[in-house]
Amino acid sequence: METIRLVLDKPLLAAANREARKAKINRSALIRRALNDYLKRRREEEMWERERQAYLKQPITAEEDEEAAAWFKVQAWPEE
């Protein structure tokens, strides 16, 4: 691992310290988790945006839409 210097304002630092204590981890681990979560969300957002752009370039045809609608009618979801 690399050591970095990080500048946080006082309220954010205090909140990070509180959350780290609650989670029983050190502040560095908390920041690593938060950054990993953020990067995962960004990758997912980018994936959805690429898919959205692809559909804008080649929209679903009426026939494909009808076929999908037929499948939605017959699909079964587990009962809770």
Protein backbone atom coordinates (compact mmCIF):
# COMPACT_ATOMS: atom_id res chain seq x y z
CA MET A 1 0.00 0.00 0.00
CA GLU A 2 1.01 3.57 -0.56
CA THR A 3 0.80 6.34 1.98
CA ILE A 4 -0.87 9.56 0.83
CA ARG A 5 -1.68 12.89 2.38
CA LEU A 6 -5.36 13.76 2.47
CA VAL A 7 -6.89 17.10 3.41
CA LEU A 8 -10.39 17.02 4.94
CA ASP A 9 -12.43 19.79 6.51
CA LYS A 10 -13.10 19.41 10.24
CA PRO A 11 -16.76 18.27 9.99
CA LEU A 12 -15.89 15.60 7.41
CA LEU A 13 -12.93 14.39 9.46
CA ALA A 14 -15.09 14.21 12.59
CA ALA A 15 -17.76 12.24 10.70
CA ALA A 16 -15.12 9.87 9.31
CA ASN A 17 -13.71 9.31 12.80
CA ARG A 18 -17.19 8.56 14.19
CA GLU A 19 -18.01 6.12 11.41
CA ALA A 20 -14.66 4.37 11.72
CA ARG A 21 -15.25 3.89 15.46
CA LYS A 22 -18.76 2.54 14.81
CA ALA A 23 -17.45 0.12 12.19
CA LYS A 24 -14.50 -0.81 14.44
CA ILE A 25 -11.99 -0.09 11.69
CA ASN A 26 -9.31 2.54 11.35
CA ARG A 27 -9.89 5.72 9.39
CA SER A 28 -7.70 4.57 6.50
CA ALA A 29 -9.78 1.42 6.09
CA LEU A 30 -12.96 3.51 6.13
CA ILE A 31 -11.62 5.81 3.42
CA ARG A 32 -10.47 2.82 1.33
CA ARG A 33 -13.97 1.28 1.59
CA ALA A 34 -15.62 4.56 0.67
CA LEU A 35 -13.35 5.05 -2.32
CA ASN A 36 -13.84 1.47 -3.49
CA ASP A 37 -17.63 1.87 -3.19
CA TYR A 38 -17.48 5.12 -5.14
CA LEU A 39 -15.35 3.61 -7.91
CA LYS A 40 -17.68 0.61 -8.18
CA ARG A 41 -20.71 2.93 -8.51
CA ARG A 42 -18.90 4.97 -11.18
CA ARG A 43 -18.09 1.81 -13.20
CA GLU A 44 -21.75 0.76 -13.00
CA GLU A 45 -22.94 4.23 -14.01
CA GLU A 46 -20.54 4.22 -16.95
CA MET A 47 -21.77 0.78 -18.01
CA TRP A 48 -25.42 1.93 -17.92
CA GLU A 49 -24.51 5.06 -19.87
CA ARG A 50 -22.75 2.99 -22.57
CA GLU A 51 -25.85 0.80 -22.80
CA ARG A 52 -28.12 3.86 -22.99
CA GLN A 53 -25.99 5.34 -25.76
CA ALA A 54 -26.07 2.05 -27.68
CA TYR A 55 -29.87 1.99 -27.55
CA LEU A 56 -29.99 5.59 -28.71
CA LYS A 57 -27.85 4.64 -31.72
CA GLN A 58 -29.95 1.56 -32.48
CA PRO A 59 -33.37 1.78 -30.83
CA ILE A 60 -35.49 -1.28 -30.19
CA THR A 61 -37.85 -1.99 -33.05
CA ALA A 62 -41.60 -2.26 -32.52
CA GLU A 63 -41.34 -6.00 -33.18
CA GLU A 64 -38.64 -6.43 -30.51
CA ASP A 65 -40.69 -4.36 -28.08
CA GLU A 66 -43.75 -6.55 -28.66
CA GLU A 67 -41.68 -9.70 -28.15
CA ALA A 68 -40.27 -8.35 -24.88
CA ALA A 69 -43.78 -7.40 -23.71
CA ALA A 70 -44.96 -10.96 -24.39
CA TRP A 71 -42.15 -12.37 -22.26
CA PHE A 72 -42.93 -9.97 -19.42
CA LYS A 73 -46.49 -11.29 -19.35
CA VAL A 74 -45.44 -14.92 -18.90
CA GLN A 75 -42.42 -14.59 -16.64
CA ALA A 76 -42.82 -15.90 -13.12
CA TRP A 77 -41.40 -14.20 -10.06
CA PRO A 78 -40.93 -16.08 -6.80
CA GLU A 79 -43.60 -15.40 -4.25
CA GLU A 80 -42.46 -13.80 -1.01
